[in-house]
């Protein structure tokens, strides 16, 4: 009987500690950090939203899908950077016309030997060359045709940005010097 009492006492003690720690570190601590970050770092805590004339147009840290020729090409996104169009009947499509699959994040996580990845990269290379005719295939940098691990990271190297200056200059009317300075 004494052994059963000890086991029951240990079980209650373990359960009590688990509940207290779960409440403390699973609820109270995250809520406190969320509250403090919303006060101390409100811009970042609210998504680093970029606004133009009072309208939210994107986030500082998540890529946007730009399809016009006067925009710089960023890293490819497996989820079209969650940029979509909604028609009058409420149907949503990505900017390229493909079916909207919902708001997600993440890359396709395909292996280098996967034919689907090889085909996508080849298509991206051909598309990049078509929009940047002065660039040779062998000069295209890897960050122009490979997605980030999250599938949302738009950042490219300075060298990859410089490759696009001539085409952007022709499409935008800005001089190459102005674009280089930017």
N, C-alpha and C. Protein backbone atom coordinates (compact mmCIF):
# COMPACT_ATOMS: atom_id res chain seq x y z
N UNK A 1 0.81 -1.18 0.00
CA UNK A 1 0.00 0.00 0.00
C UNK A 1 0.87 1.26 0.00
N UNK A 2 1.94 1.25 0.74
CA UNK A 2 2.85 2.37 0.85
C UNK A 2 3.50 2.67 -0.51
N UNK A 3 3.80 1.61 -1.27
CA UNK A 3 4.41 1.79 -2.59
C UNK A 3 3.43 2.46 -3.55
N UNK A 4 2.16 2.08 -3.50
CA UNK A 4 1.14 2.67 -4.35
C UNK A 4 0.94 4.15 -4.00
N UNK A 5 1.03 4.46 -2.71
CA UNK A 5 0.90 5.85 -2.27
C UNK A 5 2.06 6.69 -2.81
N UNK A 6 3.26 6.15 -2.80
CA UNK A 6 4.46 6.84 -3.30
C UNK A 6 4.33 7.07 -4.81
N UNK A 7 3.88 6.06 -5.53
CA UNK A 7 3.72 6.19 -6.98
C UNK A 7 2.68 7.27 -7.28
N UNK A 8 1.57 7.26 -6.58
CA UNK A 8 0.52 8.26 -6.78
C UNK A 8 1.03 9.66 -6.45
N UNK A 9 1.80 9.77 -5.36
CA UNK A 9 2.38 11.07 -4.97
C UNK A 9 3.32 11.57 -6.07
N UNK A 10 4.19 10.71 -6.58
CA UNK A 10 5.13 11.08 -7.64
C UNK A 10 4.40 11.47 -8.92
N UNK A 11 3.35 10.74 -9.25
CA UNK A 11 2.57 11.05 -10.45
C UNK A 11 1.92 12.43 -10.33
N UNK A 12 1.29 12.71 -9.17
CA UNK A 12 0.67 14.02 -8.97
C UNK A 12 1.70 15.15 -9.02
N UNK A 13 2.85 14.91 -8.42
CA UNK A 13 3.91 15.91 -8.43
C UNK A 13 4.40 16.16 -9.86
N UNK A 14 4.61 15.10 -10.63
CA UNK A 14 5.05 15.24 -12.03
C UNK A 14 4.00 15.94 -12.87
N UNK A 15 2.75 15.58 -12.68
CA UNK A 15 1.67 16.20 -13.43
C UNK A 15 1.54 17.69 -13.07
N UNK A 16 1.66 18.02 -11.81
CA UNK A 16 1.58 19.42 -11.37
C UNK A 16 2.71 20.24 -11.98
N UNK A 17 3.92 19.72 -11.93
CA UNK A 17 5.07 20.45 -12.49
C UNK A 17 4.88 20.62 -14.00
N UNK A 18 4.42 19.57 -14.67
CA UNK A 18 4.19 19.65 -16.12
C UNK A 18 3.17 20.72 -16.45
N UNK A 19 2.08 20.77 -15.72
CA UNK A 19 1.03 21.77 -15.98
C UNK A 19 1.55 23.18 -15.71
N UNK A 20 2.26 23.36 -14.61
CA UNK A 20 2.80 24.69 -14.28
C UNK A 20 3.79 25.14 -15.35
N UNK A 21 4.71 24.27 -15.75
CA UNK A 21 5.70 24.65 -16.76
C UNK A 21 5.05 24.89 -18.12
N UNK A 22 4.05 24.08 -18.46
CA UNK A 22 3.35 24.27 -19.72
C UNK A 22 2.64 25.63 -19.74
N UNK A 23 1.98 25.98 -18.66
CA UNK A 23 1.32 27.28 -18.59
C UNK A 23 2.33 28.42 -18.62
N UNK A 24 3.42 28.25 -17.88
CA UNK A 24 4.43 29.30 -17.79
C UNK A 24 5.15 29.49 -19.13
N UNK A 25 5.71 28.41 -19.69
CA UNK A 25 6.54 28.53 -20.90
C UNK A 25 5.78 28.32 -22.20
N UNK A 26 4.59 27.76 -22.14
CA UNK A 26 3.81 27.55 -23.35
C UNK A 26 2.74 28.60 -23.56
N UNK A 27 2.39 29.34 -22.52
CA UNK A 27 1.33 30.34 -22.64
C UNK A 27 1.77 31.72 -22.15
N UNK A 28 2.13 31.82 -20.88
CA UNK A 28 2.44 33.12 -20.29
C UNK A 28 3.67 33.76 -20.93
N UNK A 29 4.78 33.02 -21.05
CA UNK A 29 6.02 33.57 -21.61
C UNK A 29 5.83 34.00 -23.07
N UNK A 30 5.25 33.17 -23.96
CA UNK A 30 5.03 33.64 -25.34
C UNK A 30 4.09 34.84 -25.42
N UNK A 31 3.07 34.88 -24.58
CA UNK A 31 2.16 36.03 -24.59
C UNK A 31 2.88 37.29 -24.13
N UNK A 32 3.73 37.17 -23.13
CA UNK A 32 4.50 38.31 -22.65
C UNK A 32 5.45 38.81 -23.74
N UNK A 33 6.15 37.89 -24.42
CA UNK A 33 7.05 38.31 -25.50
C UNK A 33 6.29 38.94 -26.65
N UNK A 34 5.14 38.41 -27.00
CA UNK A 34 4.33 38.98 -28.07
C UNK A 34 3.88 40.39 -27.69
N UNK A 35 3.44 40.56 -26.46
CA UNK A 35 3.00 41.87 -25.98
C UNK A 35 4.15 42.87 -26.00
N UNK A 36 5.29 42.48 -25.46
CA UNK A 36 6.44 43.38 -25.42
C UNK A 36 6.95 43.73 -26.82
N UNK A 37 7.00 42.73 -27.70
CA UNK A 37 7.50 43.00 -29.05
C UNK A 37 6.53 43.91 -29.82
N UNK A 38 5.23 43.78 -29.58
CA UNK A 38 4.28 44.65 -30.27
C UNK A 38 4.40 46.09 -29.79
N UNK A 39 4.90 46.30 -28.58
CA UNK A 39 5.09 47.65 -28.07
C UNK A 39 6.47 48.19 -28.46
N UNK A 40 7.51 47.39 -28.23
CA UNK A 40 8.88 47.85 -28.47
C UNK A 40 9.28 47.82 -29.94
N UNK A 41 8.78 46.87 -30.70
CA UNK A 41 9.15 46.70 -32.10
C UNK A 41 7.89 46.54 -32.95
N UNK A 42 7.00 47.50 -32.89
CA UNK A 42 5.68 47.35 -33.52
C UNK A 42 5.76 47.14 -35.03
N UNK A 43 6.65 47.82 -35.72
CA UNK A 43 6.76 47.65 -37.17
C UNK A 43 7.13 46.22 -37.53
N UNK A 44 8.16 45.68 -36.86
CA UNK A 44 8.60 44.33 -37.14
C UNK A 44 7.58 43.29 -36.68
N UNK A 45 6.99 43.49 -35.51
CA UNK A 45 6.05 42.52 -34.96
C UNK A 45 4.78 42.43 -35.79
N UNK A 46 4.47 43.48 -36.52
CA UNK A 46 3.27 43.48 -37.35
C UNK A 46 3.55 43.14 -38.80
N UNK A 47 4.72 42.53 -39.07
CA UNK A 47 5.00 42.03 -40.41
C UNK A 47 5.85 42.92 -41.28
N UNK A 48 6.38 44.01 -40.77
CA UNK A 48 7.19 44.94 -41.55
C UNK A 48 6.48 45.33 -42.85
N UNK A 49 5.25 45.74 -42.72
CA UNK A 49 4.40 46.05 -43.87
C UNK A 49 4.87 47.33 -44.56
N UNK A 50 4.94 47.27 -45.89
CA UNK A 50 5.28 48.43 -46.71
C UNK A 50 3.97 49.03 -47.20
N UNK A 51 3.79 50.32 -46.99
CA UNK A 51 2.56 50.99 -47.41
C UNK A 51 2.89 52.09 -48.41
N UNK A 52 2.00 52.24 -49.39
CA UNK A 52 2.09 53.34 -50.34
C UNK A 52 0.73 54.03 -50.32
N UNK A 53 0.75 55.31 -49.99
CA UNK A 53 -0.48 56.10 -49.89
C UNK A 53 -1.51 55.44 -48.98
N UNK A 54 -1.04 54.86 -47.87
CA UNK A 54 -1.94 54.27 -46.89
C UNK A 54 -2.43 52.87 -47.23
N UNK A 55 -1.99 52.30 -48.34
CA UNK A 55 -2.41 50.96 -48.74
C UNK A 55 -1.24 49.99 -48.57
N UNK A 56 -1.48 48.89 -47.89
CA UNK A 56 -0.43 47.87 -47.72
C UNK A 56 -0.16 47.22 -49.06
N UNK A 57 1.12 47.22 -49.47
CA UNK A 57 1.50 46.65 -50.76
C UNK A 57 2.47 45.49 -50.64
N UNK A 58 2.95 45.19 -49.44
CA UNK A 58 3.88 44.09 -49.27
C UNK A 58 4.56 44.15 -47.93
N UNK A 59 5.59 43.34 -47.81
CA UNK A 59 6.40 43.28 -46.60
C UNK A 59 7.86 43.49 -46.96
N UNK A 60 8.59 44.09 -46.05
CA UNK A 60 10.00 44.32 -46.27
C UNK A 60 10.76 43.00 -46.42
N UNK A 61 10.31 41.96 -45.76
CA UNK A 61 11.09 40.73 -45.69
C UNK A 61 10.55 39.57 -46.51
N UNK A 62 9.40 39.70 -47.13
CA UNK A 62 8.88 38.63 -47.98
C UNK A 62 8.84 39.12 -49.41
N UNK A 63 9.22 38.26 -50.33
CA UNK A 63 9.27 38.63 -51.73
C UNK A 63 7.90 38.88 -52.32
N UNK A 64 7.88 39.63 -53.38
CA UNK A 64 6.66 39.90 -54.12
C UNK A 64 6.88 39.39 -55.53
N UNK A 65 5.84 38.94 -56.16
CA UNK A 65 5.97 38.46 -57.53
C UNK A 65 5.76 39.62 -58.48
N UNK A 66 6.83 40.07 -59.11
CA UNK A 66 6.78 41.16 -60.06
C UNK A 66 6.90 40.58 -61.46
N UNK A 67 5.92 40.87 -62.32
CA UNK A 67 5.93 40.28 -63.65
C UNK A 67 6.15 41.30 -64.76
N UNK A 68 6.17 42.57 -64.43
CA UNK A 68 6.39 43.60 -65.44
C UNK A 68 7.89 43.66 -65.77
N UNK A 69 8.24 43.99 -67.01
CA UNK A 69 9.65 43.97 -67.42
C UNK A 69 10.52 45.04 -66.76
N UNK A 70 9.91 46.08 -66.19
CA UNK A 70 10.70 47.13 -65.56
C UNK A 70 11.00 46.84 -64.09
N UNK A 71 10.57 45.67 -63.60
CA UNK A 71 10.91 45.26 -62.25
C UNK A 71 12.08 44.28 -62.27
N UNK A 72 12.88 44.33 -61.22
CA UNK A 72 13.99 43.39 -61.10
C UNK A 72 13.46 42.00 -60.77
N UNK A 73 14.07 41.01 -61.34
CA UNK A 73 13.69 39.62 -61.05
C UNK A 73 14.39 39.20 -59.76
N UNK A 74 13.59 38.67 -58.85
CA UNK A 74 14.13 38.17 -57.58
C UNK A 74 14.29 36.66 -57.68
N UNK A 75 14.61 36.06 -56.55
CA UNK A 75 14.69 34.60 -56.52
C UNK A 75 13.32 34.02 -56.82
N UNK A 76 13.27 32.87 -57.48
CA UNK A 76 11.97 32.26 -57.76
C UNK A 76 11.30 31.77 -56.47
N UNK A 77 9.98 31.76 -56.48
CA UNK A 77 9.23 31.32 -55.32
C UNK A 77 8.33 30.15 -55.72
N UNK A 78 8.35 29.12 -54.92
CA UNK A 78 7.51 27.95 -55.18
C UNK A 78 6.04 28.27 -54.99
N UNK A 79 5.74 29.31 -54.26
CA UNK A 79 4.35 29.65 -53.96
C UNK A 79 3.96 31.02 -54.53
N UNK A 80 4.64 31.44 -55.59
CA UNK A 80 4.32 32.71 -56.25
C UNK A 80 4.31 33.87 -55.25
N UNK A 81 5.08 33.75 -54.19
CA UNK A 81 5.16 34.78 -53.16
C UNK A 81 3.79 35.16 -52.61
N UNK A 82 2.83 34.24 -52.72
CA UNK A 82 1.47 34.45 -52.23
C UNK A 82 0.82 35.70 -52.83
N UNK A 83 1.23 36.04 -54.05
CA UNK A 83 0.66 37.19 -54.75
C UNK A 83 -0.38 36.67 -55.73
N UNK A 84 -1.62 37.12 -55.58
CA UNK A 84 -2.69 36.60 -56.43
C UNK A 84 -3.66 37.71 -56.83
N UNK A 85 -4.51 37.36 -57.78
CA UNK A 85 -5.54 38.28 -58.27
C UNK A 85 -6.89 37.64 -57.98
N UNK A 86 -7.85 38.45 -57.58
CA UNK A 86 -9.21 37.95 -57.35
C UNK A 86 -10.15 38.64 -58.33
N UNK A 87 -10.91 37.84 -59.11
CA UNK A 87 -11.83 38.44 -60.08
C UNK A 87 -13.17 38.77 -59.42
N UNK A 88 -14.12 39.26 -60.22
CA UNK A 88 -15.41 39.71 -59.68
C UNK A 88 -16.18 38.59 -58.98
N UNK A 89 -16.03 37.34 -59.47
CA UNK A 89 -16.77 36.23 -58.87
C UNK A 89 -16.04 35.62 -57.68
N UNK A 90 -14.90 36.19 -57.29
CA UNK A 90 -14.18 35.73 -56.11
C UNK A 90 -13.16 34.65 -56.38
N UNK A 91 -12.98 34.25 -57.65
CA UNK A 91 -11.98 33.24 -57.99
C UNK A 91 -10.59 33.87 -57.96
N UNK A 92 -9.65 33.14 -57.39
CA UNK A 92 -8.29 33.65 -57.25
C UNK A 92 -7.35 32.88 -58.17
N UNK A 93 -6.42 33.61 -58.80
CA UNK A 93 -5.36 33.00 -59.60
C UNK A 93 -4.07 33.73 -59.31
N UNK A 94 -2.95 33.04 -59.54
CA UNK A 94 -1.66 33.71 -59.42
C UNK A 94 -1.51 34.66 -60.60
N UNK A 95 -0.54 35.57 -60.53
CA UNK A 95 -0.37 36.59 -61.56
C UNK A 95 -0.10 35.99 -62.94
N UNK A 96 0.49 34.80 -62.97
CA UNK A 96 0.76 34.16 -64.27
C UNK A 96 -0.45 33.39 -64.80
N UNK A 97 -1.58 33.42 -64.08
CA UNK A 97 -2.80 32.75 -64.52
C UNK A 97 -2.99 31.35 -63.98
N UNK A 98 -2.00 30.80 -63.29
CA UNK A 98 -2.13 29.45 -62.75
C UNK A 98 -3.05 29.45 -61.53
N UNK A 99 -3.54 28.27 -61.21
CA UNK A 99 -4.52 28.12 -60.13
C UNK A 99 -3.94 28.52 -58.78
N UNK A 100 -4.72 29.29 -58.03
CA UNK A 100 -4.34 29.70 -56.67
C UNK A 100 -4.51 28.51 -55.74
N UNK A 101 -3.46 28.14 -55.03
CA UNK A 101 -3.49 26.97 -54.15
C UNK A 101 -3.59 27.34 -52.68
N UNK A 102 -3.75 28.60 -52.38
CA UNK A 102 -3.87 29.04 -50.99
C UNK A 102 -2.60 29.69 -50.50
N UNK A 103 -2.72 30.39 -49.40
CA UNK A 103 -1.57 31.08 -48.81
C UNK A 103 -0.72 30.07 -48.07
N UNK A 104 0.52 29.95 -48.47
CA UNK A 104 1.43 29.00 -47.85
C UNK A 104 2.82 29.60 -47.82
N UNK A 105 3.71 28.89 -47.23
CA UNK A 105 5.12 29.22 -47.34
C UNK A 105 5.87 27.92 -47.52
N UNK A 106 7.06 28.03 -47.99
CA UNK A 106 7.88 26.85 -48.15
C UNK A 106 8.26 26.62 -49.59
N UNK A 107 9.34 25.91 -49.76
CA UNK A 107 9.80 25.59 -51.10
C UNK A 107 9.32 24.19 -51.46
N UNK A 108 9.57 23.81 -52.71
CA UNK A 108 9.18 22.47 -53.13
C UNK A 108 10.10 21.40 -52.58
N UNK A 109 11.30 21.79 -52.17
CA UNK A 109 12.26 20.88 -51.56
C UNK A 109 12.58 19.70 -52.47
N UNK A 110 12.81 19.98 -53.75
CA UNK A 110 13.14 18.94 -54.71
C UNK A 110 14.64 18.70 -54.71
N UNK A 111 15.03 17.46 -54.90
CA UNK A 111 16.46 17.14 -54.93
C UNK A 111 17.07 17.61 -56.25
N UNK A 112 18.38 17.83 -56.29
CA UNK A 112 19.02 18.29 -57.53
C UNK A 112 18.84 17.32 -58.70
N UNK A 113 18.59 16.06 -58.42
CA UNK A 113 18.41 15.09 -59.50
C UNK A 113 16.96 14.96 -59.96
N UNK A 114 16.06 15.69 -59.34
CA UNK A 114 14.64 15.59 -59.70
C UNK A 114 14.38 16.27 -61.04
N UNK A 115 13.80 15.56 -61.99
CA UNK A 115 13.52 16.15 -63.31
C UNK A 115 12.63 17.39 -63.25
N UNK A 116 11.72 17.44 -62.28
CA UNK A 116 10.83 18.60 -62.14
C UNK A 116 11.64 19.85 -61.80
N UNK A 117 12.63 19.71 -60.91
CA UNK A 117 13.48 20.85 -60.55
C UNK A 117 14.33 21.28 -61.74
N UNK A 118 14.91 20.32 -62.43
CA UNK A 118 15.75 20.62 -63.59
C UNK A 118 14.93 21.35 -64.66
N UNK A 119 13.70 20.89 -64.90
CA UNK A 119 12.82 21.53 -65.88
C UNK A 119 12.47 22.95 -65.45
N UNK A 120 12.16 23.16 -64.16
CA UNK A 120 11.83 24.50 -63.68
C UNK A 120 13.01 25.44 -63.83
N UNK A 121 14.20 24.97 -63.48
CA UNK A 121 15.39 25.82 -63.60
C UNK A 121 15.67 26.15 -65.06
N UNK A 122 15.54 25.17 -65.95
CA UNK A 122 15.75 25.43 -67.38
C UNK A 122 14.75 26.47 -67.89
N UNK A 123 13.49 26.35 -67.48
CA UNK A 123 12.47 27.32 -67.88
C UNK A 123 12.80 28.71 -67.34
N UNK A 124 13.26 28.77 -66.08
CA UNK A 124 13.63 30.05 -65.48
C UNK A 124 14.82 30.68 -66.21
N UNK A 125 15.77 29.85 -66.62
CA UNK A 125 16.94 30.36 -67.36
C UNK A 125 16.48 30.94 -68.70
N UNK A 126 15.64 30.20 -69.42
CA UNK A 126 15.14 30.67 -70.71
C UNK A 126 14.34 31.96 -70.56
N UNK A 127 13.51 32.02 -69.53
CA UNK A 127 12.72 33.23 -69.27
C UNK A 127 13.63 34.42 -68.93
N UNK A 128 14.67 34.16 -68.14
CA UNK A 128 15.59 35.23 -67.77
C UNK A 128 16.34 35.74 -69.00
N UNK A 129 16.79 34.83 -69.85
CA UNK A 129 17.50 35.24 -71.07
C UNK A 129 16.57 36.03 -71.98
N UNK A 130 15.30 35.60 -72.08
CA UNK A 130 14.33 36.32 -72.93
C UNK A 130 14.11 37.74 -72.43
N UNK A 131 14.09 37.94 -71.12
CA UNK A 131 13.87 39.29 -70.59
C UNK A 131 15.17 40.08 -70.41
N UNK A 132 16.31 39.40 -70.54
CA UNK A 132 17.62 40.05 -70.44
C UNK A 132 18.49 39.56 -71.59
N UNK A 133 18.19 39.99 -72.82
CA UNK A 133 18.87 39.44 -74.00
C UNK A 133 20.37 39.71 -74.07
N UNK A 134 20.88 40.65 -73.32
CA UNK A 134 22.32 40.92 -73.36
C UNK A 134 23.11 39.98 -72.44
N UNK A 135 22.41 39.17 -71.65
CA UNK A 135 23.07 38.27 -70.71
C UNK A 135 23.23 36.89 -71.36
N UNK A 136 24.43 36.35 -71.26
CA UNK A 136 24.69 35.00 -71.78
C UNK A 136 24.29 33.97 -70.73
N UNK A 137 23.91 32.81 -71.20
CA UNK A 137 23.48 31.72 -70.33
C UNK A 137 24.52 31.42 -69.24
N UNK A 138 25.77 31.39 -69.61
CA UNK A 138 26.83 31.05 -68.65
C UNK A 138 27.08 32.15 -67.62
N UNK A 139 26.54 33.35 -67.85
CA UNK A 139 26.72 34.45 -66.90
C UNK A 139 25.60 34.53 -65.86
N UNK A 140 24.55 33.73 -66.02
CA UNK A 140 23.43 33.76 -65.07
C UNK A 140 23.89 33.15 -63.76
N UNK A 141 23.65 33.87 -62.68
CA UNK A 141 24.08 33.42 -61.35
C UNK A 141 23.02 32.51 -60.73
N UNK A 142 23.47 31.64 -59.87
CA UNK A 142 22.60 30.62 -59.29
C UNK A 142 21.44 31.21 -58.49
N UNK A 143 21.63 32.36 -57.86
CA UNK A 143 20.55 32.92 -57.04
C UNK A 143 19.40 33.47 -57.89
N UNK A 144 19.56 33.59 -59.18
CA UNK A 144 18.47 34.03 -60.06
C UNK A 144 17.51 32.87 -60.35
N UNK A 145 18.01 31.64 -60.29
CA UNK A 145 17.19 30.49 -60.70
C UNK A 145 16.93 29.48 -59.60
N UNK A 146 17.44 29.72 -58.40
CA UNK A 146 17.19 28.79 -57.29
C UNK A 146 16.42 29.49 -56.18
N UNK A 147 15.42 28.80 -55.67
CA UNK A 147 14.60 29.36 -54.59
C UNK A 147 15.33 29.24 -53.26
N UNK A 148 14.93 30.05 -52.31
CA UNK A 148 15.48 29.95 -50.96
C UNK A 148 14.82 28.78 -50.24
N UNK A 149 15.32 28.44 -49.08
CA UNK A 149 14.75 27.35 -48.30
C UNK A 149 13.31 27.61 -47.92
N UNK A 150 12.96 28.86 -47.62
CA UNK A 150 11.59 29.18 -47.24
C UNK A 150 10.68 29.33 -48.45
N UNK A 151 11.27 29.56 -49.61
CA UNK A 151 10.46 29.81 -50.79
C UNK A 151 9.94 31.24 -50.87
N UNK A 152 10.25 32.05 -49.88
CA UNK A 152 9.74 33.43 -49.83
C UNK A 152 10.84 34.48 -49.87
N UNK A 153 12.08 34.07 -49.72
CA UNK A 153 13.20 35.01 -49.64
C UNK A 153 13.50 35.59 -51.02
N UNK A 154 13.34 36.90 -51.21
CA UNK A 154 13.54 37.49 -52.53
C UNK A 154 14.99 37.90 -52.82
N UNK A 155 15.85 37.87 -51.83
CA UNK A 155 17.16 38.48 -51.95
C UNK A 155 18.06 37.80 -52.97
N UNK A 156 18.70 38.64 -53.77
CA UNK A 156 19.69 38.17 -54.74
C UNK A 156 20.98 38.93 -54.48
N UNK A 157 22.05 38.45 -55.06
CA UNK A 157 23.34 39.11 -54.88
C UNK A 157 23.40 40.41 -55.69
N UNK A 158 24.34 41.26 -55.36
CA UNK A 158 24.54 42.51 -56.10
C UNK A 158 24.88 42.19 -57.55
N UNK A 159 25.67 41.15 -57.76
CA UNK A 159 26.06 40.76 -59.12
C UNK A 159 24.83 40.35 -59.94
N UNK A 160 23.90 39.62 -59.31
CA UNK A 160 22.68 39.21 -60.02
C UNK A 160 21.81 40.42 -60.34
N UNK A 161 21.81 41.41 -59.47
CA UNK A 161 21.06 42.64 -59.73
C UNK A 161 21.70 43.40 -60.90
N UNK A 162 23.02 43.47 -60.91
CA UNK A 162 23.72 44.19 -61.98
C UNK A 162 23.48 43.56 -63.35
N UNK A 163 23.28 42.24 -63.40
CA UNK A 163 23.00 41.58 -64.68
C UNK A 163 21.73 42.11 -65.33
N UNK A 164 20.82 42.63 -64.54
CA UNK A 164 19.50 43.02 -65.03
C UNK A 164 19.39 44.50 -65.39
N UNK A 165 20.44 45.26 -65.12
CA UNK A 165 20.37 46.72 -65.28
C UNK A 165 20.03 47.13 -66.71
N UNK A 166 20.65 46.53 -67.71
CA UNK A 166 20.41 46.94 -69.10
C UNK A 166 18.95 46.74 -69.48
N UNK A 167 18.39 45.58 -69.18
CA UNK A 167 17.00 45.29 -69.53
C UNK A 167 16.03 46.18 -68.77
N UNK A 168 16.30 46.42 -67.50
CA UNK A 168 15.42 47.27 -66.69
C UNK A 168 15.50 48.71 -67.20
N UNK A 169 16.67 49.13 -67.59
CA UNK A 169 16.84 50.48 -68.13
C UNK A 169 16.00 50.67 -69.38
N UNK A 170 16.05 49.70 -70.28
CA UNK A 170 15.26 49.78 -71.51
C UNK A 170 13.76 49.77 -71.23
N UNK A 171 13.33 48.98 -70.26
CA UNK A 171 11.90 48.85 -69.96
C UNK A 171 11.35 50.02 -69.14
N UNK A 172 12.21 50.61 -68.31
CA UNK A 172 11.72 51.65 -67.38
C UNK A 172 11.96 53.07 -67.85
N UNK A 173 12.93 53.24 -68.73
CA UNK A 173 13.28 54.60 -69.15
C UNK A 173 14.32 55.24 -68.25
N UNK A 174 14.70 54.57 -67.17
CA UNK A 174 15.76 55.07 -66.30
C UNK A 174 17.11 54.75 -66.95
N UNK A 175 18.10 55.58 -66.68
CA UNK A 175 19.42 55.31 -67.24
C UNK A 175 20.10 54.20 -66.44
N UNK A 176 21.08 53.57 -67.07
CA UNK A 176 21.84 52.53 -66.37
C UNK A 176 22.58 53.12 -65.18
N UNK A 177 23.01 54.36 -65.29
CA UNK A 177 23.69 55.03 -64.18
C UNK A 177 22.74 55.22 -62.99
N UNK A 178 21.51 55.64 -63.28
CA UNK A 178 20.52 55.80 -62.22
C UNK A 178 20.24 54.47 -61.52
N UNK A 179 20.09 53.42 -62.32
CA UNK A 179 19.80 52.11 -61.75
C UNK A 179 20.99 51.58 -60.95
N UNK A 180 22.18 51.80 -61.44
CA UNK A 180 23.38 51.35 -60.71
C UNK A 180 23.47 52.06 -59.37
N UNK A 181 23.14 53.35 -59.36
CA UNK A 181 23.17 54.10 -58.12
C UNK A 181 22.14 53.57 -57.13
N UNK A 182 20.94 53.22 -57.64
CA UNK A 182 19.90 52.65 -56.78
C UNK A 182 20.36 51.35 -56.19
